[in-house]
């Protein structure tokens, strides 16, 4: 961790949201929340109907984004969110809908 304060280490979160998440403003909503949290990355529609969210930034901010994805306030309907944590790859700057 290189002596980083708890929750402040830079991480990469990849999350896959399933449910009614395409064509309902979900990616725009994710982008807005991510930018509010100071995260870099993207939200991308997948062919199987899921949305893939890639976010890089402080661990605490990525964890908050994950909470928001699961919290029921997003447009459409999120039936579940799978997650994977990894080392950052240098996303950004910015957060994009793809």
Protein backbone atom coordinates (compact mmCIF):
# COMPACT_ATOMS: atom_id res chain seq x y z
CA UNK A 1 0.00 0.00 0.00
CA UNK A 2 2.98 2.28 0.11
CA UNK A 3 1.91 3.96 3.35
CA UNK A 4 -1.30 5.38 1.86
CA UNK A 5 -3.98 6.36 4.34
CA UNK A 6 -6.77 3.80 4.76
CA UNK A 7 -9.21 4.12 1.87
CA UNK A 8 -6.92 6.43 -0.08
CA UNK A 9 -4.89 3.89 -2.06
CA UNK A 10 -5.60 4.12 -5.79
CA UNK A 11 -7.45 1.07 -7.11
CA UNK A 12 -9.31 -0.13 -10.18
CA UNK A 13 -12.89 -1.32 -9.81
CA UNK A 14 -14.52 -3.23 -12.63
CA UNK A 15 -18.22 -3.85 -12.03
CA UNK A 16 -20.91 -5.44 -14.16
CA UNK A 17 -24.49 -4.31 -13.55
CA UNK A 18 -27.30 -6.56 -14.76
CA UNK A 19 -31.02 -5.89 -15.02
CA UNK A 20 -32.80 -3.20 -17.03
CA UNK A 21 -29.72 -1.00 -17.34
CA UNK A 22 -29.55 -0.19 -21.06
CA UNK A 23 -31.59 2.54 -22.74
CA UNK A 24 -32.73 4.05 -19.42
CA UNK A 25 -30.03 6.68 -18.69
CA UNK A 26 -28.03 4.31 -16.49
CA UNK A 27 -24.62 5.04 -18.02
CA UNK A 28 -25.24 8.81 -17.75
CA UNK A 29 -26.21 8.34 -14.10
CA UNK A 30 -23.07 6.26 -13.40
CA UNK A 31 -20.91 8.89 -15.12
CA UNK A 32 -22.44 11.66 -12.99
CA UNK A 33 -21.89 9.75 -9.73
CA UNK A 34 -18.32 8.82 -10.72
CA UNK A 35 -17.42 12.41 -11.56
CA UNK A 36 -18.88 13.60 -8.24
CA UNK A 37 -16.58 11.08 -6.53
CA UNK A 38 -13.54 12.19 -8.56
CA UNK A 39 -13.15 8.87 -10.38
CA UNK A 40 -11.79 8.20 -13.87
CA UNK A 41 -13.07 5.48 -16.18
CA UNK A 42 -16.07 4.51 -18.26
CA UNK A 43 -19.48 2.87 -18.41
CA UNK A 44 -20.05 0.64 -21.44
CA UNK A 45 -23.10 -1.25 -22.73
CA UNK A 46 -22.30 -4.93 -23.34
CA UNK A 47 -23.94 -7.13 -25.97
CA UNK A 48 -25.47 -9.38 -23.27
CA UNK A 49 -27.49 -6.50 -21.78
CA UNK A 50 -25.19 -5.68 -18.87
CA UNK A 51 -23.26 -2.45 -18.33
CA UNK A 52 -19.55 -2.67 -17.53
CA UNK A 53 -18.26 0.05 -15.22
CA UNK A 54 -14.52 0.67 -14.92
CA UNK A 55 -13.50 3.19 -12.28
CA UNK A 56 -10.10 4.20 -10.96
CA UNK A 57 -9.36 6.38 -7.97
CA UNK A 58 -9.21 6.23 -4.18
CA UNK A 59 -10.51 2.93 -2.77
CA UNK A 60 -13.08 4.74 -0.57
CA UNK A 61 -14.55 6.52 -3.61
CA UNK A 62 -14.72 3.28 -5.62
CA UNK A 63 -16.43 1.55 -2.69
CA UNK A 64 -18.96 4.40 -2.51
CA UNK A 65 -19.69 4.07 -6.25
CA UNK A 66 -20.29 0.35 -5.74
CA UNK A 67 -22.71 1.14 -2.89
CA UNK A 68 -24.57 3.57 -5.15
CA UNK A 69 -24.79 0.98 -7.94
CA UNK A 70 -26.38 -1.46 -5.50
CA UNK A 71 -28.47 1.13 -3.65
CA UNK A 72 -31.57 1.27 -5.82
CA UNK A 73 -31.35 4.95 -6.83
CA UNK A 74 -30.17 4.33 -10.40
CA UNK A 75 -32.48 4.66 -13.41
CA UNK A 76 -33.90 1.39 -14.70
CA UNK A 77 -33.57 -1.66 -12.50
CA UNK A 78 -30.34 -3.16 -11.19
CA UNK A 79 -30.81 -6.85 -10.39
CA UNK A 80 -27.21 -7.43 -9.34
CA UNK A 81 -23.67 -6.12 -9.50
CA UNK A 82 -20.57 -8.28 -9.82
CA UNK A 83 -17.22 -6.70 -8.96
CA UNK A 84 -13.51 -7.21 -9.48
CA UNK A 85 -10.74 -5.22 -7.82
CA UNK A 86 -7.31 -4.83 -9.39
CA UNK A 87 -4.29 -2.57 -9.70
CA UNK A 88 -4.93 0.74 -11.50
CA UNK A 89 -3.93 0.96 -15.15
CA UNK A 90 -3.98 4.75 -15.49
CA UNK A 91 -7.54 5.47 -16.66
CA UNK A 92 -8.51 9.00 -17.43
CA UNK A 93 -8.68 11.77 -16.94
CA UNK A 94 -12.46 11.89 -17.03
CA UNK A 95 -15.30 9.41 -17.06
CA UNK A 96 -16.98 8.39 -20.32
CA UNK A 97 -20.07 6.64 -21.62
CA UNK A 98 -19.15 4.11 -24.29
